[in-house]
N, C-alpha and C. Protein backbone atom coordinates (compact mmCIF):
# COMPACT_ATOMS: atom_id res chain seq x y z
N UNK A 1 31.25 28.26 -1.73
CA UNK A 1 30.38 27.09 -1.43
C UNK A 1 29.89 27.09 0.00
N UNK A 2 28.51 26.89 0.05
CA UNK A 2 28.00 26.87 1.42
C UNK A 2 28.35 25.73 2.25
N UNK A 3 28.14 25.85 3.64
CA UNK A 3 28.38 24.83 4.48
C UNK A 3 27.69 23.60 4.16
N UNK A 4 26.35 23.65 3.84
CA UNK A 4 25.57 22.53 3.48
C UNK A 4 26.22 21.83 2.30
N UNK A 5 26.58 22.62 1.28
CA UNK A 5 27.07 21.89 0.05
C UNK A 5 28.37 21.18 0.34
N UNK A 6 29.20 21.55 1.36
CA UNK A 6 30.37 20.77 1.65
C UNK A 6 30.07 19.51 2.20
N UNK A 7 28.86 19.33 2.75
CA UNK A 7 28.54 18.11 3.41
C UNK A 7 27.83 17.10 2.40
N UNK A 8 27.63 17.56 1.24
CA UNK A 8 27.01 16.59 0.29
C UNK A 8 28.16 15.74 -0.37
N UNK A 9 27.79 14.46 -0.39
CA UNK A 9 28.80 13.48 -0.95
C UNK A 9 28.08 12.72 -1.99
N UNK A 10 28.70 12.56 -3.15
CA UNK A 10 28.03 11.69 -4.09
C UNK A 10 28.52 10.20 -3.78
N UNK A 11 27.50 9.47 -3.51
CA UNK A 11 27.82 8.04 -2.92
C UNK A 11 27.66 7.09 -4.17
N UNK A 12 26.74 7.22 -4.98
CA UNK A 12 26.62 6.45 -6.30
C UNK A 12 26.26 7.52 -7.27
N UNK A 13 26.56 7.18 -8.60
CA UNK A 13 26.26 8.13 -9.71
C UNK A 13 24.90 8.78 -9.59
N UNK A 14 24.85 10.06 -9.33
CA UNK A 14 23.49 10.68 -9.26
C UNK A 14 22.77 10.54 -7.90
N UNK A 15 23.49 9.92 -6.93
CA UNK A 15 22.95 9.73 -5.55
C UNK A 15 23.77 10.34 -4.59
N UNK A 16 23.26 11.45 -3.96
CA UNK A 16 24.09 12.13 -2.91
C UNK A 16 23.49 11.88 -1.63
N UNK A 17 24.34 12.16 -0.55
CA UNK A 17 23.89 12.04 0.82
C UNK A 17 24.33 13.36 1.51
N UNK A 18 23.65 13.71 2.49
CA UNK A 18 24.08 14.92 3.20
C UNK A 18 24.67 14.21 4.46
N UNK A 19 26.01 14.39 4.76
CA UNK A 19 26.80 13.77 5.77
C UNK A 19 26.76 14.66 6.96
N UNK A 20 26.30 14.15 8.02
CA UNK A 20 26.23 14.88 9.32
C UNK A 20 27.30 14.55 10.27
N UNK A 21 28.13 13.61 10.01
CA UNK A 21 29.20 13.11 11.02
C UNK A 21 30.50 13.75 10.59
N UNK A 22 31.43 13.61 11.49
CA UNK A 22 32.83 14.20 11.35
C UNK A 22 33.37 13.36 10.19
N UNK A 23 34.05 14.09 9.17
CA UNK A 23 34.54 13.38 7.98
C UNK A 23 35.85 12.53 8.29
N UNK A 24 36.39 12.73 9.54
CA UNK A 24 37.53 11.90 9.95
C UNK A 24 37.06 10.77 10.62
N UNK A 25 35.88 10.47 10.89
CA UNK A 25 35.42 9.12 11.56
C UNK A 25 35.88 7.95 10.79
N UNK A 26 36.40 6.94 11.57
CA UNK A 26 36.80 5.69 10.98
C UNK A 26 35.87 4.61 11.55
N UNK A 27 35.74 3.43 10.85
CA UNK A 27 34.98 2.39 11.47
C UNK A 27 35.49 1.13 10.72
N UNK A 28 35.56 0.05 11.58
CA UNK A 28 35.87 -1.27 11.10
C UNK A 28 35.25 -2.27 12.11
N UNK A 29 34.64 -3.26 11.62
CA UNK A 29 34.06 -4.19 12.62
C UNK A 29 35.21 -4.92 13.39
N UNK A 30 34.99 -5.18 14.66
CA UNK A 30 36.03 -5.70 15.47
C UNK A 30 35.61 -7.18 16.13
N UNK A 31 36.52 -8.00 16.18
CA UNK A 31 36.25 -9.29 16.73
C UNK A 31 35.51 -9.18 18.13
N UNK A 32 34.51 -9.92 18.26
CA UNK A 32 33.82 -10.23 19.54
C UNK A 32 32.92 -9.07 19.92
N UNK A 33 32.66 -8.07 19.04
CA UNK A 33 31.65 -7.10 19.39
C UNK A 33 30.39 -7.56 19.20
N UNK A 34 29.83 -7.60 18.02
CA UNK A 34 28.51 -8.13 17.64
C UNK A 34 27.28 -7.37 18.25
N UNK A 35 27.61 -6.18 18.83
CA UNK A 35 26.56 -5.47 19.51
C UNK A 35 25.36 -5.18 18.54
N UNK A 36 25.70 -4.82 17.23
CA UNK A 36 24.67 -4.53 16.26
C UNK A 36 23.68 -5.72 15.99
N UNK A 37 24.22 -6.92 16.23
CA UNK A 37 23.51 -8.12 15.87
C UNK A 37 22.52 -8.50 17.09
N UNK A 38 22.46 -7.70 18.07
CA UNK A 38 21.60 -8.03 19.12
C UNK A 38 20.28 -7.51 19.07
N UNK A 39 19.95 -6.69 18.00
CA UNK A 39 18.75 -6.05 17.80
C UNK A 39 18.03 -6.72 16.64
N UNK A 40 16.69 -6.34 16.35
CA UNK A 40 16.00 -6.87 15.28
C UNK A 40 16.47 -6.04 14.05
N UNK A 41 16.61 -6.87 12.93
CA UNK A 41 17.00 -6.26 11.69
C UNK A 41 15.81 -5.98 10.81
N UNK A 42 15.62 -4.82 10.57
CA UNK A 42 14.50 -4.25 9.71
C UNK A 42 14.80 -4.63 8.27
N UNK A 43 13.80 -5.39 7.64
CA UNK A 43 14.02 -5.74 6.23
C UNK A 43 13.15 -4.86 5.31
N UNK A 44 13.79 -4.31 4.40
CA UNK A 44 13.00 -3.50 3.34
C UNK A 44 12.53 -4.65 2.34
N UNK A 45 11.58 -4.17 1.55
CA UNK A 45 11.06 -5.22 0.59
C UNK A 45 11.94 -5.95 -0.27
N UNK A 46 13.01 -5.25 -0.86
CA UNK A 46 14.08 -5.94 -1.59
C UNK A 46 14.78 -6.93 -0.84
N UNK A 47 15.11 -6.49 0.47
CA UNK A 47 15.93 -7.36 1.34
C UNK A 47 15.03 -8.69 1.67
N UNK A 48 13.73 -8.46 1.84
CA UNK A 48 12.92 -9.66 2.09
C UNK A 48 12.92 -10.69 0.92
N UNK A 49 12.87 -10.12 -0.26
CA UNK A 49 12.90 -10.95 -1.44
C UNK A 49 14.36 -11.66 -1.54
N UNK A 50 15.41 -10.97 -1.31
CA UNK A 50 16.71 -11.54 -1.22
C UNK A 50 16.85 -12.59 -0.22
N UNK A 51 16.31 -12.32 0.93
CA UNK A 51 16.43 -13.30 2.05
C UNK A 51 15.58 -14.52 1.71
N UNK A 52 14.51 -14.33 1.02
CA UNK A 52 13.65 -15.45 0.69
C UNK A 52 14.53 -16.53 -0.23
N UNK A 53 15.49 -16.06 -1.02
CA UNK A 53 16.23 -16.86 -1.76
C UNK A 53 17.36 -17.71 -0.98
N UNK A 54 17.55 -17.12 0.28
CA UNK A 54 18.64 -17.89 1.18
C UNK A 54 18.15 -18.57 2.32
N UNK A 55 16.87 -18.37 2.82
CA UNK A 55 16.48 -18.84 4.07
C UNK A 55 14.93 -19.10 4.05
N UNK A 56 14.46 -19.81 5.06
CA UNK A 56 13.03 -20.03 5.24
C UNK A 56 12.53 -18.84 5.93
N UNK A 57 11.60 -17.98 5.33
CA UNK A 57 11.18 -16.79 5.83
C UNK A 57 10.26 -17.14 7.06
N UNK A 58 9.53 -18.24 7.02
CA UNK A 58 8.63 -18.51 8.25
C UNK A 58 9.37 -18.66 9.43
N UNK A 59 10.65 -19.19 9.41
CA UNK A 59 11.55 -19.37 10.54
C UNK A 59 12.38 -18.26 10.93
N UNK A 60 12.69 -17.35 10.00
CA UNK A 60 13.62 -16.35 10.27
C UNK A 60 13.14 -14.90 10.22
N UNK A 61 11.84 -14.69 10.00
CA UNK A 61 11.32 -13.33 10.07
C UNK A 61 10.11 -13.33 10.98
N UNK A 62 9.87 -12.06 11.35
CA UNK A 62 8.64 -11.74 12.24
C UNK A 62 8.09 -10.51 11.75
N UNK A 63 6.74 -10.34 12.04
CA UNK A 63 6.17 -9.00 11.80
C UNK A 63 5.95 -8.23 12.99
N UNK A 64 6.34 -6.96 13.00
CA UNK A 64 6.27 -6.01 14.06
C UNK A 64 5.74 -4.63 13.62
N UNK A 65 4.55 -4.23 14.07
CA UNK A 65 4.06 -2.91 13.66
C UNK A 65 3.95 -2.83 12.14
N UNK A 66 3.64 -3.96 11.48
CA UNK A 66 3.41 -3.95 10.03
C UNK A 66 4.66 -4.02 9.25
N UNK A 67 5.88 -4.28 9.82
CA UNK A 67 7.17 -4.31 9.17
C UNK A 67 7.70 -5.65 9.41
N UNK A 68 8.51 -6.12 8.45
CA UNK A 68 9.25 -7.32 8.59
C UNK A 68 10.59 -7.19 9.28
N UNK A 69 11.03 -8.02 10.08
CA UNK A 69 12.31 -7.99 10.81
C UNK A 69 12.91 -9.40 10.80
N UNK A 70 14.06 -9.51 10.81
CA UNK A 70 14.72 -10.71 11.07
C UNK A 70 14.49 -11.15 12.53
N UNK A 71 14.21 -12.28 12.87
CA UNK A 71 13.92 -12.72 14.18
C UNK A 71 15.17 -12.55 15.14
N UNK A 72 14.84 -12.14 16.33
CA UNK A 72 15.83 -12.33 17.36
C UNK A 72 15.55 -13.55 18.11
N UNK A 73 16.40 -14.48 18.31
CA UNK A 73 16.16 -15.69 18.91
C UNK A 73 17.04 -15.97 20.15
N UNK A 74 16.50 -16.78 21.12
CA UNK A 74 17.31 -17.16 22.28
C UNK A 74 18.47 -18.00 21.77
N UNK A 75 19.62 -17.63 22.31
CA UNK A 75 20.92 -18.38 22.02
C UNK A 75 21.32 -19.03 23.23
N UNK A 76 21.72 -20.33 23.20
CA UNK A 76 22.11 -21.08 24.34
C UNK A 76 23.67 -20.87 24.59
N UNK A 77 23.94 -19.61 24.80
CA UNK A 77 25.34 -19.23 25.11
C UNK A 77 25.38 -17.87 25.88
N UNK A 78 26.59 -17.64 26.29
CA UNK A 78 26.72 -16.26 26.95
C UNK A 78 27.41 -15.26 26.12
N UNK A 79 28.13 -15.62 25.10
CA UNK A 79 28.90 -14.73 24.18
C UNK A 79 27.93 -14.34 22.99
N UNK A 80 28.21 -13.13 22.51
CA UNK A 80 27.56 -12.68 21.35
C UNK A 80 26.01 -12.69 21.40
N UNK A 81 25.53 -12.27 22.47
CA UNK A 81 24.11 -12.18 22.80
C UNK A 81 23.78 -10.86 23.61
N UNK A 82 22.60 -10.34 23.46
CA UNK A 82 22.20 -9.17 24.25
C UNK A 82 22.04 -9.56 25.64
N UNK A 83 21.68 -8.56 26.45
CA UNK A 83 21.43 -8.69 27.91
C UNK A 83 20.29 -9.82 28.14
N UNK A 84 19.40 -9.99 27.16
CA UNK A 84 18.40 -10.88 27.38
C UNK A 84 18.71 -12.19 26.80
N UNK A 85 19.80 -12.44 26.38
CA UNK A 85 20.31 -13.73 25.75
C UNK A 85 19.75 -14.08 24.38
N UNK A 86 19.31 -12.94 23.71
CA UNK A 86 18.85 -13.17 22.33
C UNK A 86 19.83 -12.36 21.43
N UNK A 87 19.80 -12.87 20.08
CA UNK A 87 20.59 -12.15 19.06
C UNK A 87 20.00 -12.43 17.70
N UNK A 88 20.44 -11.87 16.63
CA UNK A 88 19.93 -12.20 15.28
C UNK A 88 19.95 -13.68 15.02
N UNK A 89 18.95 -14.10 14.36
CA UNK A 89 18.78 -15.57 14.05
C UNK A 89 19.95 -15.98 13.23
N UNK A 90 20.62 -15.14 12.50
CA UNK A 90 21.78 -15.49 11.60
C UNK A 90 23.19 -15.32 12.29
N UNK A 91 23.16 -14.95 13.46
CA UNK A 91 24.42 -14.78 14.14
C UNK A 91 25.02 -16.23 14.71
N UNK A 92 26.11 -16.59 14.22
CA UNK A 92 26.67 -17.89 14.62
C UNK A 92 27.26 -17.84 16.00
N UNK A 93 27.56 -18.98 16.54
CA UNK A 93 28.24 -19.11 17.93
C UNK A 93 29.53 -18.19 17.88
N UNK A 94 30.29 -18.22 16.91
CA UNK A 94 31.56 -17.66 16.78
C UNK A 94 31.43 -16.20 16.62
N UNK A 95 30.24 -15.65 16.59
CA UNK A 95 30.07 -14.16 16.38
C UNK A 95 30.13 -13.65 14.94
N UNK A 96 30.07 -14.61 13.99
CA UNK A 96 30.04 -14.14 12.68
C UNK A 96 28.72 -14.44 12.00
N UNK A 97 28.42 -13.66 10.96
CA UNK A 97 27.15 -13.77 10.30
C UNK A 97 27.06 -14.74 9.18
N UNK A 98 26.07 -15.64 9.32
CA UNK A 98 25.91 -16.71 8.27
C UNK A 98 25.57 -16.11 6.89
N UNK A 99 24.75 -15.05 6.87
CA UNK A 99 24.40 -14.42 5.56
C UNK A 99 25.60 -13.78 4.95
N UNK A 100 26.36 -13.08 5.68
CA UNK A 100 27.47 -12.44 5.16
C UNK A 100 28.63 -13.47 4.69
N UNK A 101 28.90 -14.31 5.64
CA UNK A 101 30.05 -15.29 5.30
C UNK A 101 29.58 -16.38 4.19
N UNK A 102 28.44 -16.94 4.31
CA UNK A 102 28.08 -18.04 3.49
C UNK A 102 27.30 -17.66 2.27
N UNK A 103 26.61 -16.40 2.23
CA UNK A 103 25.85 -15.97 1.21
C UNK A 103 26.44 -14.77 0.44
N UNK A 104 27.52 -14.17 0.98
CA UNK A 104 28.11 -13.05 0.62
C UNK A 104 27.06 -11.79 0.31
N UNK A 105 26.19 -11.73 1.41
CA UNK A 105 25.08 -10.76 1.32
C UNK A 105 24.80 -10.23 2.62
N UNK A 106 24.34 -9.09 2.77
CA UNK A 106 23.90 -8.43 4.09
C UNK A 106 22.53 -7.71 3.75
N UNK A 107 21.60 -7.74 4.73
CA UNK A 107 20.38 -6.77 4.52
C UNK A 107 20.89 -5.53 4.53
N UNK A 108 20.13 -4.63 3.93
CA UNK A 108 20.52 -3.20 3.81
C UNK A 108 20.78 -2.47 5.24
N UNK A 109 19.97 -2.90 6.16
CA UNK A 109 20.13 -2.34 7.45
C UNK A 109 21.46 -2.64 8.22
N UNK A 110 21.91 -3.86 7.96
CA UNK A 110 23.19 -4.42 8.38
C UNK A 110 24.35 -3.63 7.66
N UNK A 111 24.25 -3.22 6.41
CA UNK A 111 25.29 -2.62 5.69
C UNK A 111 25.44 -1.25 6.25
N UNK A 112 24.29 -0.54 6.60
CA UNK A 112 24.24 0.88 7.10
C UNK A 112 24.90 0.98 8.40
N UNK A 113 24.83 0.00 9.17
CA UNK A 113 25.43 0.13 10.63
C UNK A 113 26.83 0.44 10.65
N UNK A 114 27.29 1.33 11.44
CA UNK A 114 26.87 2.01 12.64
C UNK A 114 26.14 3.40 12.24
N UNK A 115 25.84 3.61 10.94
CA UNK A 115 25.30 4.83 10.55
C UNK A 115 23.71 4.81 10.67
N UNK A 116 23.12 6.01 10.79
CA UNK A 116 21.67 6.09 10.78
C UNK A 116 21.35 7.02 9.50
N UNK A 117 20.26 6.62 8.93
CA UNK A 117 19.87 7.31 7.62
C UNK A 117 18.36 7.83 7.85
N UNK A 118 18.06 8.94 7.28
CA UNK A 118 16.65 9.39 7.21
C UNK A 118 16.49 10.52 6.06
N UNK A 119 15.28 10.65 5.68
CA UNK A 119 15.03 11.72 4.63
C UNK A 119 14.61 12.96 5.22
N UNK A 120 15.14 14.01 4.91
CA UNK A 120 14.92 15.35 5.30
C UNK A 120 14.90 16.40 4.14
N UNK A 121 13.81 16.94 3.96
CA UNK A 121 13.76 17.99 2.84
C UNK A 121 14.02 17.38 1.46
N UNK A 122 13.71 16.16 1.30
CA UNK A 122 14.04 15.44 0.01
C UNK A 122 15.43 14.83 -0.10
N UNK A 123 16.22 15.12 0.95
CA UNK A 123 17.56 14.73 0.86
C UNK A 123 17.88 13.41 1.84
N UNK A 124 18.69 12.42 1.44
CA UNK A 124 19.09 11.42 2.27
C UNK A 124 20.23 11.92 3.27
N UNK A 125 19.92 11.91 4.53
CA UNK A 125 20.86 12.35 5.51
C UNK A 125 21.50 11.17 6.21
N UNK A 126 22.74 11.26 6.62
CA UNK A 126 23.41 10.13 7.29
C UNK A 126 24.35 10.68 8.39
N UNK A 127 24.24 9.95 9.52
CA UNK A 127 25.02 10.30 10.72
C UNK A 127 25.32 9.07 11.52
N UNK A 128 26.14 9.19 12.45
CA UNK A 128 26.40 8.02 13.32
C UNK A 128 25.14 7.83 14.29
N UNK A 129 24.79 6.61 14.42
CA UNK A 129 23.68 6.39 15.40
C UNK A 129 24.18 6.76 16.74
N UNK A 130 23.37 7.34 17.61
CA UNK A 130 23.81 7.86 18.99
C UNK A 130 24.09 6.69 19.80
N UNK A 131 23.37 5.45 19.65
CA UNK A 131 23.65 4.34 20.41
C UNK A 131 24.99 3.78 20.04
N UNK A 132 25.48 3.88 18.86
CA UNK A 132 26.74 3.41 18.51
C UNK A 132 27.87 4.03 19.14
N UNK A 133 27.70 5.37 19.45
CA UNK A 133 28.77 5.95 20.18
C UNK A 133 28.99 5.21 21.58
N UNK A 134 27.97 4.82 22.16
CA UNK A 134 28.06 4.16 23.46
C UNK A 134 28.42 2.67 23.51
N UNK A 135 28.08 2.01 22.31
CA UNK A 135 28.17 0.44 22.35
C UNK A 135 29.07 -0.02 21.29
N UNK A 136 29.28 0.66 20.10
CA UNK A 136 30.09 -0.04 19.09
C UNK A 136 31.56 0.17 19.30
N UNK A 137 32.21 -0.90 19.33
CA UNK A 137 33.84 -0.87 19.58
C UNK A 137 34.49 -0.66 18.22
N UNK A 138 33.83 -0.61 17.07
CA UNK A 138 34.44 -0.42 15.81
C UNK A 138 34.78 1.13 15.38
N UNK A 139 34.30 2.07 16.06
CA UNK A 139 34.41 3.40 15.82
C UNK A 139 35.74 3.90 16.09
N UNK A 140 36.42 4.57 15.21
CA UNK A 140 37.69 5.20 15.33
C UNK A 140 38.80 4.30 15.93
N UNK A 141 38.83 3.03 15.23
CA UNK A 141 39.84 2.08 15.57
C UNK A 141 40.69 1.65 14.46
N UNK A 142 40.44 2.18 13.27
CA UNK A 142 41.12 1.77 12.19
C UNK A 142 41.44 3.08 11.26
N UNK A 143 42.06 2.85 10.02
CA UNK A 143 42.27 3.93 9.11
C UNK A 143 41.17 4.09 8.06
N UNK A 144 40.14 3.24 8.17
CA UNK A 144 39.09 3.19 7.06
C UNK A 144 38.07 4.38 7.37
N UNK A 145 38.32 5.42 6.58
CA UNK A 145 37.38 6.54 6.80
C UNK A 145 35.98 6.28 6.24
N UNK A 146 35.06 6.45 6.95
CA UNK A 146 33.60 6.12 6.55
C UNK A 146 33.25 6.92 5.31
N UNK A 147 33.59 8.25 5.32
CA UNK A 147 33.26 9.21 4.20
C UNK A 147 33.79 8.76 2.94
N UNK A 148 34.93 8.00 2.98
CA UNK A 148 35.68 7.47 1.75
C UNK A 148 35.08 6.19 1.23
N UNK A 149 34.16 5.53 2.10
CA UNK A 149 33.63 4.19 1.79
C UNK A 149 32.19 4.36 1.82
N UNK A 150 31.55 5.39 1.75
CA UNK A 150 30.00 5.43 1.97
C UNK A 150 29.28 4.44 0.98
N UNK A 151 29.76 4.13 -0.17
CA UNK A 151 29.07 3.23 -0.99
C UNK A 151 28.94 1.87 -0.41
N UNK A 152 29.91 1.50 0.57
CA UNK A 152 29.74 0.17 1.16
C UNK A 152 28.66 0.28 2.39
N UNK A 153 28.44 1.37 2.82
CA UNK A 153 27.51 1.53 3.90
C UNK A 153 26.07 1.90 3.46
N UNK A 154 25.90 2.53 2.20
CA UNK A 154 24.67 3.10 1.88
C UNK A 154 24.29 2.44 0.41
N UNK A 155 23.71 1.36 0.41
CA UNK A 155 23.09 0.76 -0.89
C UNK A 155 22.24 1.69 -1.56
N UNK A 156 22.20 1.64 -2.80
CA UNK A 156 21.44 2.48 -3.65
C UNK A 156 19.90 2.42 -3.36
N UNK A 157 19.55 1.40 -2.85
CA UNK A 157 18.15 1.13 -2.48
C UNK A 157 17.61 2.24 -1.54
N UNK A 158 18.50 2.64 -0.76
CA UNK A 158 17.96 3.76 0.32
C UNK A 158 17.44 4.99 -0.34
N UNK A 159 17.89 5.33 -1.52
CA UNK A 159 17.33 6.57 -2.16
C UNK A 159 16.02 6.20 -2.80
N UNK A 160 15.62 5.02 -2.94
CA UNK A 160 14.35 4.68 -3.54
C UNK A 160 13.23 4.42 -2.54
N UNK A 161 13.54 4.41 -1.29
CA UNK A 161 12.48 3.99 -0.24
C UNK A 161 11.66 5.35 0.15
N UNK A 162 10.54 5.12 0.37
CA UNK A 162 9.73 6.21 0.97
C UNK A 162 10.09 6.62 2.34
N UNK A 163 10.54 5.56 3.17
CA UNK A 163 10.94 5.88 4.59
C UNK A 163 12.21 5.02 4.85
N UNK A 164 13.33 5.50 4.49
CA UNK A 164 14.56 4.79 4.78
C UNK A 164 15.10 5.02 6.33
N UNK A 165 14.32 5.67 7.12
CA UNK A 165 14.71 5.85 8.54
C UNK A 165 15.16 4.54 9.16
N UNK A 166 16.39 4.55 9.53
CA UNK A 166 16.93 3.24 10.12
C UNK A 166 16.98 3.21 11.67
N UNK A 167 16.24 4.08 12.20
CA UNK A 167 16.14 4.19 13.68
C UNK A 167 15.05 3.39 14.35
N UNK A 168 14.23 2.72 13.24
CA UNK A 168 13.10 1.93 13.84
C UNK A 168 13.58 0.54 14.37
N UNK A 169 13.16 0.19 15.60
CA UNK A 169 13.68 -1.02 16.26
C UNK A 169 12.57 -2.01 16.57
N UNK A 170 13.00 -3.32 16.67
CA UNK A 170 12.08 -4.41 17.07
C UNK A 170 12.11 -4.43 18.60
């Protein structure tokens, strides 16, 4: 078996990803981190439709370079915000996500974090975001191996997108 073949992992039936990260990598969200929530959340078309069922799109989304993002809004607090005092519109004061807790749903981009995905040679590739190595406190702090739980990180929608590149930022 070639080295490339050993990196292919079936994530969903008939849906493989080329894994670029160390298979021993573990990840678990940790209390008080919320670093990933300090950035704009890219919404793919299906995410936008799902969000419309749960929130007022006029108040919670913005257009940037022709793409929809969840708004980053100024928060009147010092915790769970970026250096500029802003965070995701759905991030509560206690550092928990309204969409995840109250709606039992996450936008695709939130599910993918701390991984990055992109298409290359017709294959979906996945690796750890470079910025996550510097800022994400949840890497290698648990027993939950990412490679054993890829279906939780990579919704099937990613294989249907023309451009699933998750490195686009607001």
